[in-house]
């Protein structure tokens, strides 16, 4: 019987919860801008139930560790940590930019994955897909104009929530990311480390 993992993305504008084995998506729900713990737990119970299992029967939990919404990151990481501690479930924390790149789908051109960092800036990183995302540059803050120039001059693909509206045809709109988080975690054993839950990735340092 294939494993059953649960994936949570509370860091993106389109919050999503998915269950599957990494290759096959069994169930999925999206919650537009719903980042409360109560709403997330309801979605988790629904998705796991659709998969024909109980939460305690899961083989692991996957969560995005950022960058993304500060509040959303905290909710997702805390939920994953709670499931890990209460039920002794294995847990993986995956970087949002790599998940975005994987969600762009196969292609020969590199993928520029970007998360809105506000103030007309994006936290972005270039990846090549081989077939998993491999960093082809450092992550950092870039302006919309800089991203547009790079995409046009290099012929890169680009993906990010809201980026399609800013770059027009130069960027694609991401699907719900929980499904791609499942695939990435299932393929990369190093991501299964509970210590990563305490190391969120921020586009900007959180306000003190």
N, C-alpha and C. Protein backbone atom coordinates (compact mmCIF):
# COMPACT_ATOMS: atom_id res chain seq x y z
N UNK A 1 0.85 -1.20 0.00
CA UNK A 1 0.00 0.00 0.00
C UNK A 1 0.88 1.25 0.00
N UNK A 2 0.64 2.21 -0.90
CA UNK A 2 1.48 3.40 -0.96
C UNK A 2 1.32 4.24 0.30
N UNK A 3 2.33 5.03 0.63
CA UNK A 3 2.22 5.89 1.81
C UNK A 3 1.19 7.00 1.58
N UNK A 4 0.71 7.57 2.65
CA UNK A 4 -0.22 8.69 2.57
C UNK A 4 0.34 9.85 3.37
N UNK A 5 0.67 10.93 2.67
CA UNK A 5 1.21 12.12 3.30
C UNK A 5 0.18 13.24 3.23
N UNK A 6 0.28 14.15 4.19
CA UNK A 6 -0.55 15.35 4.22
C UNK A 6 0.36 16.55 3.99
N UNK A 7 -0.05 17.46 3.11
CA UNK A 7 0.74 18.67 2.85
C UNK A 7 -0.09 19.91 3.13
N UNK A 8 0.57 20.91 3.74
CA UNK A 8 -0.09 22.16 4.11
C UNK A 8 0.65 23.33 3.49
N UNK A 9 -0.08 24.21 2.81
CA UNK A 9 0.49 25.48 2.36
C UNK A 9 -0.36 26.60 2.92
N UNK A 10 0.11 27.22 3.98
CA UNK A 10 -0.58 28.36 4.57
C UNK A 10 0.19 29.65 4.32
N UNK A 11 1.27 29.57 3.56
CA UNK A 11 2.12 30.73 3.32
C UNK A 11 1.71 31.51 2.07
N UNK A 12 0.96 30.88 1.18
CA UNK A 12 0.60 31.48 -0.10
C UNK A 12 -0.77 32.16 -0.02
N UNK A 13 -1.07 33.07 -0.96
CA UNK A 13 -2.41 33.66 -0.99
C UNK A 13 -3.51 32.62 -1.17
N UNK A 14 -3.21 31.54 -1.88
CA UNK A 14 -4.17 30.45 -2.04
C UNK A 14 -3.75 29.33 -1.09
N UNK A 15 -4.36 29.30 0.09
CA UNK A 15 -4.04 28.28 1.08
C UNK A 15 -4.56 26.94 0.58
N UNK A 16 -3.76 25.89 0.72
CA UNK A 16 -4.19 24.58 0.23
C UNK A 16 -3.73 23.47 1.16
N UNK A 17 -4.52 22.40 1.15
CA UNK A 17 -4.24 21.19 1.92
C UNK A 17 -4.41 20.02 0.96
N UNK A 18 -3.46 19.10 0.94
CA UNK A 18 -3.54 17.98 0.01
C UNK A 18 -3.06 16.70 0.68
N UNK A 19 -3.55 15.58 0.17
CA UNK A 19 -3.12 14.27 0.64
C UNK A 19 -2.75 13.42 -0.57
N UNK A 20 -1.69 12.65 -0.45
CA UNK A 20 -1.25 11.78 -1.54
C UNK A 20 0.06 11.13 -1.18
N UNK A 21 0.63 10.43 -2.16
CA UNK A 21 1.90 9.73 -1.90
C UNK A 21 3.10 10.41 -2.56
N UNK A 22 2.87 11.58 -3.13
CA UNK A 22 3.94 12.30 -3.81
C UNK A 22 3.86 12.19 -5.31
N UNK A 23 3.37 11.07 -5.80
CA UNK A 23 3.16 10.88 -7.23
C UNK A 23 1.68 10.97 -7.59
N UNK A 24 0.83 10.56 -6.66
CA UNK A 24 -0.61 10.54 -6.91
C UNK A 24 -1.30 11.42 -5.88
N UNK A 25 -2.11 12.38 -6.38
CA UNK A 25 -2.89 13.25 -5.51
C UNK A 25 -4.22 12.57 -5.20
N UNK A 26 -4.50 12.37 -3.91
CA UNK A 26 -5.71 11.65 -3.50
C UNK A 26 -6.84 12.61 -3.17
N UNK A 27 -6.53 13.70 -2.48
CA UNK A 27 -7.56 14.67 -2.08
C UNK A 27 -6.91 16.03 -1.91
N UNK A 28 -7.71 17.08 -2.12
CA UNK A 28 -7.17 18.44 -2.04
C UNK A 28 -8.29 19.43 -1.74
N UNK A 29 -7.97 20.42 -0.93
CA UNK A 29 -8.89 21.53 -0.67
C UNK A 29 -8.11 22.83 -0.69
N UNK A 30 -8.78 23.89 -1.13
CA UNK A 30 -8.18 25.22 -1.10
C UNK A 30 -9.04 26.12 -0.22
N UNK A 31 -8.38 27.07 0.44
CA UNK A 31 -9.05 27.99 1.34
C UNK A 31 -8.51 29.38 1.04
N UNK A 32 -9.21 30.14 0.24
CA UNK A 32 -8.73 31.45 -0.15
C UNK A 32 -8.59 32.36 1.07
N UNK A 33 -7.33 32.70 1.39
CA UNK A 33 -7.01 33.64 2.46
C UNK A 33 -7.45 33.16 3.84
N UNK A 34 -7.80 31.89 4.00
CA UNK A 34 -8.19 31.35 5.31
C UNK A 34 -6.95 30.80 5.99
N UNK A 35 -6.46 31.54 6.98
CA UNK A 35 -5.22 31.14 7.64
C UNK A 35 -5.42 30.78 9.11
N UNK A 36 -6.67 30.76 9.58
CA UNK A 36 -6.89 30.46 10.99
C UNK A 36 -6.61 28.99 11.27
N UNK A 37 -6.22 28.71 12.51
CA UNK A 37 -5.97 27.32 12.89
C UNK A 37 -7.23 26.49 12.77
N UNK A 38 -8.38 27.10 13.12
CA UNK A 38 -9.64 26.35 13.07
C UNK A 38 -9.99 25.96 11.64
N UNK A 39 -9.87 26.91 10.72
CA UNK A 39 -10.17 26.60 9.33
C UNK A 39 -9.22 25.57 8.75
N UNK A 40 -7.96 25.66 9.13
CA UNK A 40 -6.97 24.71 8.63
C UNK A 40 -7.25 23.31 9.16
N UNK A 41 -7.56 23.19 10.44
CA UNK A 41 -7.83 21.87 11.02
C UNK A 41 -9.07 21.24 10.39
N UNK A 42 -10.08 22.06 10.09
CA UNK A 42 -11.27 21.54 9.42
C UNK A 42 -10.92 20.99 8.04
N UNK A 43 -10.07 21.74 7.31
CA UNK A 43 -9.65 21.28 5.98
C UNK A 43 -8.82 20.01 6.07
N UNK A 44 -7.96 19.92 7.08
CA UNK A 44 -7.15 18.72 7.26
C UNK A 44 -8.03 17.50 7.49
N UNK A 45 -9.00 17.64 8.38
CA UNK A 45 -9.89 16.51 8.66
C UNK A 45 -10.66 16.11 7.41
N UNK A 46 -11.09 17.11 6.62
CA UNK A 46 -11.83 16.81 5.40
C UNK A 46 -10.99 16.10 4.36
N UNK A 47 -9.77 16.58 4.15
CA UNK A 47 -8.90 15.97 3.14
C UNK A 47 -8.49 14.56 3.54
N UNK A 48 -8.11 14.38 4.80
CA UNK A 48 -7.71 13.05 5.26
C UNK A 48 -8.90 12.09 5.20
N UNK A 49 -10.08 12.58 5.54
CA UNK A 49 -11.27 11.75 5.44
C UNK A 49 -11.57 11.34 4.01
N UNK A 50 -11.42 12.27 3.07
CA UNK A 50 -11.62 11.94 1.65
C UNK A 50 -10.63 10.89 1.18
N UNK A 51 -9.45 10.89 1.78
CA UNK A 51 -8.43 9.90 1.43
C UNK A 51 -8.68 8.55 2.08
N UNK A 52 -9.73 8.48 2.91
CA UNK A 52 -10.08 7.21 3.54
C UNK A 52 -9.22 6.83 4.71
N UNK A 53 -8.71 7.84 5.42
CA UNK A 53 -7.82 7.56 6.54
C UNK A 53 -8.15 8.47 7.71
N UNK A 54 -7.48 8.24 8.81
CA UNK A 54 -7.52 9.12 9.97
C UNK A 54 -6.19 9.83 10.07
N UNK A 55 -6.18 10.99 10.72
CA UNK A 55 -4.94 11.76 10.82
C UNK A 55 -3.82 10.93 11.46
N UNK A 56 -4.16 10.15 12.45
CA UNK A 56 -3.15 9.34 13.15
C UNK A 56 -2.55 8.26 12.25
N UNK A 57 -3.22 7.96 11.13
CA UNK A 57 -2.74 6.91 10.22
C UNK A 57 -1.83 7.46 9.13
N UNK A 58 -1.61 8.77 9.10
CA UNK A 58 -0.75 9.36 8.08
C UNK A 58 0.68 8.88 8.21
N UNK A 59 1.38 8.86 7.09
CA UNK A 59 2.79 8.47 7.09
C UNK A 59 3.72 9.67 7.25
N UNK A 60 3.15 10.87 7.22
CA UNK A 60 3.97 12.06 7.41
C UNK A 60 3.21 13.32 7.05
N UNK A 61 3.76 14.45 7.49
CA UNK A 61 3.17 15.76 7.23
C UNK A 61 4.22 16.64 6.56
N UNK A 62 3.79 17.36 5.53
CA UNK A 62 4.67 18.26 4.78
C UNK A 62 4.12 19.68 4.92
N UNK A 63 5.00 20.65 5.15
CA UNK A 63 4.56 22.03 5.28
C UNK A 63 5.55 22.95 4.57
N UNK A 64 5.04 24.02 3.99
CA UNK A 64 5.92 25.02 3.38
C UNK A 64 6.52 25.89 4.47
N UNK A 65 7.83 26.15 4.37
CA UNK A 65 8.53 26.93 5.40
C UNK A 65 8.87 28.34 4.96
N UNK A 66 8.30 28.79 3.84
CA UNK A 66 8.48 30.15 3.41
C UNK A 66 9.50 30.26 2.28
N UNK A 67 9.59 31.50 1.78
CA UNK A 67 8.94 32.71 2.27
C UNK A 67 7.46 32.77 1.90
N UNK A 68 6.77 33.69 2.56
CA UNK A 68 5.34 33.85 2.34
C UNK A 68 4.75 34.70 3.44
N UNK A 69 3.44 34.61 3.61
CA UNK A 69 2.76 35.36 4.65
C UNK A 69 3.35 35.03 6.02
N UNK A 70 3.72 36.06 6.78
CA UNK A 70 4.31 35.83 8.10
C UNK A 70 3.33 35.07 9.00
N UNK A 71 2.08 35.56 9.06
CA UNK A 71 1.08 34.90 9.89
C UNK A 71 0.80 33.50 9.39
N UNK A 72 0.67 33.35 8.08
CA UNK A 72 0.40 32.04 7.50
C UNK A 72 1.49 31.04 7.79
N UNK A 73 2.73 31.48 7.69
CA UNK A 73 3.85 30.58 8.00
C UNK A 73 3.77 30.07 9.43
N UNK A 74 3.48 30.98 10.35
CA UNK A 74 3.42 30.60 11.76
C UNK A 74 2.32 29.56 12.00
N UNK A 75 1.16 29.77 11.37
CA UNK A 75 0.05 28.83 11.53
C UNK A 75 0.41 27.46 10.99
N UNK A 76 0.97 27.41 9.78
CA UNK A 76 1.31 26.13 9.16
C UNK A 76 2.39 25.38 9.91
N UNK A 77 3.44 26.08 10.29
CA UNK A 77 4.54 25.43 11.00
C UNK A 77 4.10 24.94 12.37
N UNK A 78 3.28 25.74 13.06
CA UNK A 78 2.79 25.33 14.37
C UNK A 78 1.88 24.12 14.26
N UNK A 79 1.06 24.08 13.22
CA UNK A 79 0.16 22.93 13.02
C UNK A 79 0.96 21.67 12.74
N UNK A 80 1.95 21.77 11.87
CA UNK A 80 2.79 20.60 11.56
C UNK A 80 3.55 20.13 12.79
N UNK A 81 4.06 21.08 13.58
CA UNK A 81 4.78 20.71 14.80
C UNK A 81 3.85 20.02 15.79
N UNK A 82 2.61 20.53 15.90
CA UNK A 82 1.65 19.91 16.80
C UNK A 82 1.33 18.48 16.41
N UNK A 83 1.16 18.22 15.11
CA UNK A 83 0.89 16.86 14.65
C UNK A 83 2.10 15.96 14.88
N UNK A 84 3.27 16.51 14.67
CA UNK A 84 4.51 15.74 14.90
C UNK A 84 4.65 15.35 16.37
N UNK A 85 4.40 16.29 17.25
CA UNK A 85 4.58 16.02 18.68
C UNK A 85 3.46 15.16 19.26
N UNK A 86 2.23 15.41 18.82
CA UNK A 86 1.09 14.69 19.40
C UNK A 86 0.98 13.26 18.89
N UNK A 87 1.29 13.06 17.60
CA UNK A 87 1.06 11.75 16.98
C UNK A 87 2.36 11.08 16.54
N UNK A 88 3.48 11.72 16.80
CA UNK A 88 4.79 11.17 16.42
C UNK A 88 4.88 10.93 14.92
N UNK A 89 4.30 11.85 14.14
CA UNK A 89 4.33 11.73 12.68
C UNK A 89 5.62 12.34 12.14
N UNK A 90 6.25 11.69 11.17
CA UNK A 90 7.39 12.32 10.49
C UNK A 90 6.94 13.64 9.85
N UNK A 91 7.84 14.60 9.77
CA UNK A 91 7.47 15.90 9.22
C UNK A 91 8.57 16.42 8.31
N UNK A 92 8.15 17.04 7.21
CA UNK A 92 9.08 17.66 6.26
C UNK A 92 8.70 19.12 6.10
N UNK A 93 9.70 19.99 6.01
CA UNK A 93 9.48 21.41 5.77
C UNK A 93 10.19 21.79 4.47
N UNK A 94 9.42 22.26 3.50
CA UNK A 94 9.96 22.49 2.15
C UNK A 94 9.98 23.98 1.83
N UNK A 95 11.02 24.47 1.15
CA UNK A 95 11.10 25.89 0.79
C UNK A 95 10.10 26.25 -0.29
N UNK A 96 9.41 27.37 -0.08
CA UNK A 96 8.33 27.76 -0.98
C UNK A 96 8.81 28.02 -2.41
N UNK A 97 10.00 28.61 -2.58
CA UNK A 97 10.46 28.92 -3.93
C UNK A 97 10.73 27.66 -4.73
N UNK A 98 11.28 26.63 -4.10
CA UNK A 98 11.50 25.37 -4.81
C UNK A 98 10.18 24.72 -5.18
N UNK A 99 9.19 24.82 -4.29
CA UNK A 99 7.87 24.26 -4.59
C UNK A 99 7.24 25.01 -5.76
N UNK A 100 7.36 26.32 -5.77
CA UNK A 100 6.85 27.11 -6.89
C UNK A 100 7.50 26.69 -8.20
N UNK A 101 8.80 26.52 -8.18
CA UNK A 101 9.51 26.12 -9.40
C UNK A 101 9.02 24.76 -9.90
N UNK A 102 8.82 23.82 -8.98
CA UNK A 102 8.32 22.51 -9.38
C UNK A 102 6.92 22.61 -9.95
N UNK A 103 6.11 23.52 -9.39
CA UNK A 103 4.74 23.70 -9.86
C UNK A 103 4.67 24.27 -11.27
N UNK A 104 5.76 24.87 -11.74
CA UNK A 104 5.77 25.42 -13.09
C UNK A 104 5.71 24.33 -14.15
N UNK A 105 6.04 23.11 -13.76
CA UNK A 105 5.97 22.00 -14.70
C UNK A 105 7.26 21.83 -15.49
N UNK A 106 7.41 20.68 -16.15
CA UNK A 106 8.64 20.39 -16.88
C UNK A 106 8.87 21.36 -18.04
N UNK A 107 10.11 21.61 -18.32
CA UNK A 107 10.47 22.50 -19.42
C UNK A 107 11.97 22.66 -19.48
N UNK A 108 12.48 23.05 -20.64
CA UNK A 108 13.93 23.17 -20.81
C UNK A 108 14.46 24.50 -20.26
N UNK A 109 13.60 25.52 -20.24
CA UNK A 109 14.04 26.83 -19.78
C UNK A 109 14.04 26.89 -18.25
N UNK A 110 15.01 27.59 -17.65
CA UNK A 110 15.00 27.79 -16.20
C UNK A 110 13.73 28.50 -15.75
N UNK A 111 13.42 28.32 -14.47
CA UNK A 111 12.21 28.91 -13.89
C UNK A 111 12.61 29.92 -12.83
N UNK A 112 12.07 31.12 -12.94
CA UNK A 112 12.27 32.15 -11.93
C UNK A 112 11.05 32.13 -11.01
N UNK A 113 11.22 31.64 -9.79
CA UNK A 113 10.13 31.56 -8.82
C UNK A 113 10.19 32.78 -7.92
N UNK A 114 9.02 33.39 -7.67
CA UNK A 114 9.01 34.65 -6.92
C UNK A 114 7.83 34.72 -5.96
N UNK A 115 8.08 35.29 -4.80
CA UNK A 115 7.06 35.53 -3.78
C UNK A 115 6.99 37.03 -3.54
N UNK A 116 5.78 37.58 -3.50
CA UNK A 116 5.59 39.01 -3.30
C UNK A 116 6.16 39.44 -1.94
N UNK A 117 7.10 40.38 -1.96
CA UNK A 117 7.69 40.91 -0.73
C UNK A 117 7.20 42.33 -0.44
N UNK A 118 6.18 42.77 -1.18
CA UNK A 118 5.58 44.10 -1.02
C UNK A 118 6.57 45.19 -1.46
N UNK A 119 6.10 46.44 -1.47
CA UNK A 119 6.92 47.59 -1.86
C UNK A 119 7.48 47.43 -3.27
N UNK A 120 6.70 46.79 -4.15
CA UNK A 120 7.11 46.54 -5.53
C UNK A 120 8.37 45.69 -5.61
N UNK A 121 8.54 44.80 -4.65
CA UNK A 121 9.68 43.90 -4.66
C UNK A 121 9.21 42.45 -4.52
N UNK A 122 10.08 41.56 -4.99
CA UNK A 122 9.79 40.12 -4.95
C UNK A 122 11.01 39.40 -4.40
N UNK A 123 10.76 38.37 -3.61
CA UNK A 123 11.84 37.49 -3.16
C UNK A 123 11.90 36.37 -4.17
N UNK A 124 12.97 36.30 -4.94
CA UNK A 124 13.00 35.43 -6.12
C UNK A 124 14.27 34.60 -6.18
N UNK A 125 14.16 33.49 -6.89
CA UNK A 125 15.32 32.61 -7.11
C UNK A 125 15.12 31.86 -8.42
N UNK A 126 16.22 31.66 -9.12
CA UNK A 126 16.20 30.94 -10.39
C UNK A 126 16.50 29.46 -10.15
N UNK A 127 15.74 28.60 -10.83
CA UNK A 127 15.92 27.16 -10.73
C UNK A 127 15.97 26.56 -12.13
N UNK A 128 16.66 25.43 -12.24
CA UNK A 128 16.49 24.56 -13.40
C UNK A 128 15.85 23.28 -12.90
N UNK A 129 15.05 22.66 -13.73
CA UNK A 129 14.34 21.45 -13.35
C UNK A 129 15.04 20.24 -13.95
N UNK A 130 15.42 19.28 -13.08
CA UNK A 130 16.29 18.19 -13.55
C UNK A 130 15.99 16.83 -12.90
N UNK A 131 14.78 16.30 -12.82
CA UNK A 131 13.51 17.00 -13.01
C UNK A 131 13.08 17.78 -11.78
N UNK A 132 13.75 17.54 -10.62
CA UNK A 132 13.46 18.32 -9.42
C UNK A 132 14.14 19.68 -9.53
N UNK A 133 13.64 20.68 -8.80
CA UNK A 133 14.23 22.01 -8.88
C UNK A 133 15.63 22.06 -8.26
N UNK A 134 16.57 22.59 -9.03
CA UNK A 134 17.95 22.76 -8.59
C UNK A 134 18.28 24.25 -8.65
N UNK A 135 18.68 24.88 -7.54
CA UNK A 135 18.98 26.31 -7.57
C UNK A 135 20.04 26.65 -8.62
N UNK A 136 19.77 27.70 -9.39
CA UNK A 136 20.72 28.17 -10.39
C UNK A 136 21.19 29.58 -10.05
N UNK A 137 20.94 30.00 -8.83
CA UNK A 137 21.33 31.33 -8.38
C UNK A 137 20.87 31.52 -6.95
N UNK A 138 21.32 32.59 -6.33
CA UNK A 138 20.95 32.89 -4.95
C UNK A 138 19.57 33.53 -4.89
N UNK A 139 18.85 33.29 -3.80
CA UNK A 139 17.57 33.94 -3.57
C UNK A 139 17.81 35.35 -3.05
N UNK A 140 16.94 36.28 -3.45
CA UNK A 140 17.09 37.65 -2.97
C UNK A 140 15.96 38.53 -3.44
N UNK A 141 15.95 39.77 -2.95
CA UNK A 141 14.91 40.73 -3.32
C UNK A 141 15.21 41.34 -4.67
N UNK A 142 14.17 41.39 -5.51
CA UNK A 142 14.29 41.98 -6.85
C UNK A 142 13.05 42.84 -7.09
N UNK A 143 13.21 43.91 -7.84
CA UNK A 143 12.06 44.74 -8.20
C UNK A 143 11.29 44.09 -9.34
N UNK A 144 10.05 44.53 -9.51
CA UNK A 144 9.24 44.01 -10.61
C UNK A 144 9.92 44.29 -11.95
N UNK A 145 10.49 45.48 -12.08
CA UNK A 145 11.17 45.84 -13.34
C UNK A 145 12.36 44.93 -13.60
N UNK A 146 13.10 44.59 -12.56
CA UNK A 146 14.26 43.70 -12.73
C UNK A 146 13.83 42.31 -13.15
N UNK A 147 12.75 41.80 -12.54
CA UNK A 147 12.26 40.48 -12.93
C UNK A 147 11.80 40.49 -14.38
N UNK A 148 11.05 41.52 -14.75
CA UNK A 148 10.54 41.60 -16.12
C UNK A 148 11.69 41.64 -17.12
N UNK A 149 12.73 42.40 -16.82
CA UNK A 149 13.87 42.50 -17.73
C UNK A 149 14.59 41.17 -17.86
N UNK A 150 14.77 40.46 -16.75
CA UNK A 150 15.45 39.17 -16.79
C UNK A 150 14.65 38.14 -17.59
N UNK A 151 13.35 38.10 -17.34
CA UNK A 151 12.51 37.13 -18.04
C UNK A 151 12.53 37.39 -19.55
N UNK A 152 12.46 38.67 -19.92
CA UNK A 152 12.43 39.00 -21.35
C UNK A 152 13.78 38.76 -22.02
N UNK A 153 14.86 39.14 -21.35
CA UNK A 153 16.17 39.04 -22.00
C UNK A 153 16.72 37.61 -22.04
N UNK A 154 16.39 36.80 -21.02
CA UNK A 154 16.93 35.44 -20.95
C UNK A 154 15.95 34.38 -21.44
N UNK A 155 14.68 34.75 -21.60
CA UNK A 155 13.70 33.76 -22.01
C UNK A 155 13.32 32.79 -20.91
N UNK A 156 13.53 33.21 -19.66
CA UNK A 156 13.17 32.35 -18.54
C UNK A 156 11.66 32.25 -18.38
N UNK A 157 11.23 31.14 -17.81
CA UNK A 157 9.86 31.06 -17.34
C UNK A 157 9.80 31.70 -15.96
N UNK A 158 8.63 32.21 -15.59
CA UNK A 158 8.46 32.83 -14.28
C UNK A 158 7.14 32.39 -13.68
N UNK A 159 7.11 32.26 -12.35
CA UNK A 159 5.90 31.82 -11.67
C UNK A 159 5.83 32.47 -10.29
N UNK A 160 4.64 32.89 -9.90
CA UNK A 160 4.45 33.49 -8.59
C UNK A 160 3.04 34.04 -8.47
N UNK A 161 2.47 33.96 -7.28
CA UNK A 161 1.13 34.50 -7.07
C UNK A 161 1.16 36.02 -7.24
N UNK A 162 0.35 36.52 -8.19
CA UNK A 162 0.31 37.94 -8.50
C UNK A 162 1.34 38.36 -9.53
N UNK A 163 2.34 37.54 -9.76
CA UNK A 163 3.38 37.90 -10.72
C UNK A 163 2.83 37.88 -12.14
N UNK A 164 1.88 36.99 -12.39
CA UNK A 164 1.27 36.93 -13.72
C UNK A 164 0.55 38.24 -14.05
N UNK A 165 -0.01 38.90 -13.03
CA UNK A 165 -0.70 40.16 -13.26
C UNK A 165 0.28 41.30 -13.50
N UNK A 166 1.47 41.20 -12.91
CA UNK A 166 2.46 42.26 -13.07
C UNK A 166 3.28 42.10 -14.35
N UNK A 167 3.53 40.86 -14.74
CA UNK A 167 4.36 40.62 -15.93
C UNK A 167 3.55 40.22 -17.16
N UNK A 168 2.23 40.11 -16.99
CA UNK A 168 1.41 39.72 -18.12
C UNK A 168 1.72 38.31 -18.58
N UNK A 169 1.97 38.14 -19.86
CA UNK A 169 2.25 36.82 -20.41
C UNK A 169 3.62 36.28 -20.03
N UNK A 170 4.41 37.06 -19.31
CA UNK A 170 5.74 36.62 -18.95
C UNK A 170 5.81 35.74 -17.73
N UNK A 171 4.67 35.47 -17.09
CA UNK A 171 4.66 34.64 -15.89
C UNK A 171 3.38 33.81 -15.85
N UNK A 172 3.45 32.68 -15.18
CA UNK A 172 2.28 31.81 -15.06
C UNK A 172 1.70 31.88 -13.65
N UNK A 173 0.40 31.63 -13.56
CA UNK A 173 -0.29 31.63 -12.27
C UNK A 173 -0.10 30.26 -11.62
N UNK A 174 0.35 30.20 -10.37
CA UNK A 174 0.59 28.90 -9.74
C UNK A 174 -0.71 28.16 -9.43
N UNK A 175 -0.68 26.85 -9.48
CA UNK A 175 -1.78 26.04 -8.97
C UNK A 175 -1.67 25.99 -7.44
N UNK A 176 -2.61 25.34 -6.74
CA UNK A 176 -2.42 25.13 -5.30
C UNK A 176 -1.10 24.41 -5.05
N UNK A 177 -0.31 24.92 -4.13
CA UNK A 177 1.06 24.43 -3.97
C UNK A 177 1.21 23.20 -3.09
N UNK A 178 0.18 22.85 -2.32
CA UNK A 178 0.32 21.69 -1.44
C UNK A 178 0.64 20.43 -2.24
N UNK A 179 0.07 20.32 -3.44
CA UNK A 179 0.31 19.11 -4.26
C UNK A 179 1.77 19.01 -4.69
N UNK A 180 2.38 20.15 -5.05
CA UNK A 180 3.79 20.13 -5.43
C UNK A 180 4.69 19.94 -4.22
N UNK A 181 4.26 20.42 -3.06
CA UNK A 181 5.02 20.19 -1.83
C UNK A 181 5.09 18.70 -1.52
N UNK A 182 3.99 17.99 -1.76
CA UNK A 182 3.98 16.53 -1.58
C UNK A 182 5.04 15.88 -2.45
N UNK A 183 5.06 16.26 -3.72
CA UNK A 183 5.98 15.64 -4.68
C UNK A 183 7.43 15.91 -4.30
N UNK A 184 7.73 17.15 -3.89
CA UNK A 184 9.10 17.49 -3.54
C UNK A 184 9.57 16.75 -2.30
N UNK A 185 8.73 16.71 -1.27
CA UNK A 185 9.11 16.04 -0.03
C UNK A 185 9.28 14.54 -0.23
N UNK A 186 8.43 13.95 -1.04
CA UNK A 186 8.52 12.51 -1.27
C UNK A 186 9.81 12.13 -1.99
N UNK A 187 10.38 13.09 -2.75
CA UNK A 187 11.57 12.80 -3.55
C UNK A 187 12.88 13.20 -2.88
N UNK A 188 12.81 13.98 -1.80
CA UNK A 188 14.03 14.50 -1.17
C UNK A 188 14.04 14.13 0.32
N UNK A 189 14.71 13.06 0.69
CA UNK A 189 14.71 12.60 2.08
C UNK A 189 15.26 13.63 3.07
N UNK A 190 16.18 14.48 2.62
CA UNK A 190 16.79 15.46 3.52
C UNK A 190 15.80 16.47 4.07
N UNK A 191 14.66 16.62 3.42
CA UNK A 191 13.66 17.58 3.88
C UNK A 191 12.89 17.09 5.10
N UNK A 192 13.02 15.79 5.40
CA UNK A 192 12.30 15.21 6.54
C UNK A 192 13.13 15.40 7.81
N UNK A 193 13.08 16.62 8.31
CA UNK A 193 13.86 16.99 9.48
C UNK A 193 13.03 17.93 10.34
N UNK A 194 12.57 17.50 11.52
CA UNK A 194 11.74 18.36 12.37
C UNK A 194 12.41 19.68 12.73
N UNK A 195 13.74 19.71 12.74
CA UNK A 195 14.44 20.95 13.09
C UNK A 195 14.14 22.07 12.10
N UNK A 196 13.77 21.72 10.86
CA UNK A 196 13.47 22.74 9.86
C UNK A 196 12.21 23.53 10.21
N UNK A 197 11.36 22.96 11.07
CA UNK A 197 10.14 23.68 11.48
C UNK A 197 10.48 24.94 12.26
N UNK A 198 11.64 24.99 12.84
CA UNK A 198 12.05 26.16 13.63
C UNK A 198 12.89 27.13 12.80
N UNK A 199 12.99 26.88 11.49
CA UNK A 199 13.81 27.73 10.63
C UNK A 199 13.00 28.24 9.44
N UNK A 200 11.96 29.04 9.70
CA UNK A 200 11.19 29.59 8.58
C UNK A 200 12.05 30.51 7.73
N UNK A 201 11.69 30.60 6.46
CA UNK A 201 12.40 31.48 5.52
C UNK A 201 11.53 32.71 5.29
N UNK A 202 12.08 33.89 5.55
CA UNK A 202 11.34 35.13 5.38
C UNK A 202 11.90 35.93 4.21
N UNK A 203 11.00 36.60 3.48
CA UNK A 203 11.44 37.49 2.41
C UNK A 203 12.13 38.72 3.00
N UNK A 204 11.64 39.15 4.15
CA UNK A 204 12.25 40.24 4.90
C UNK A 204 12.33 39.82 6.36
N UNK A 205 13.28 40.31 7.11
CA UNK A 205 13.34 39.97 8.54
C UNK A 205 12.05 40.40 9.23
N UNK A 206 11.48 39.55 10.10
CA UNK A 206 10.25 39.92 10.80
C UNK A 206 10.48 41.11 11.71
N UNK A 207 9.45 41.95 11.85
CA UNK A 207 9.56 43.11 12.73
C UNK A 207 9.70 42.66 14.17
N UNK A 208 10.58 43.30 14.89
CA UNK A 208 10.81 42.94 16.30
C UNK A 208 9.84 43.69 17.19
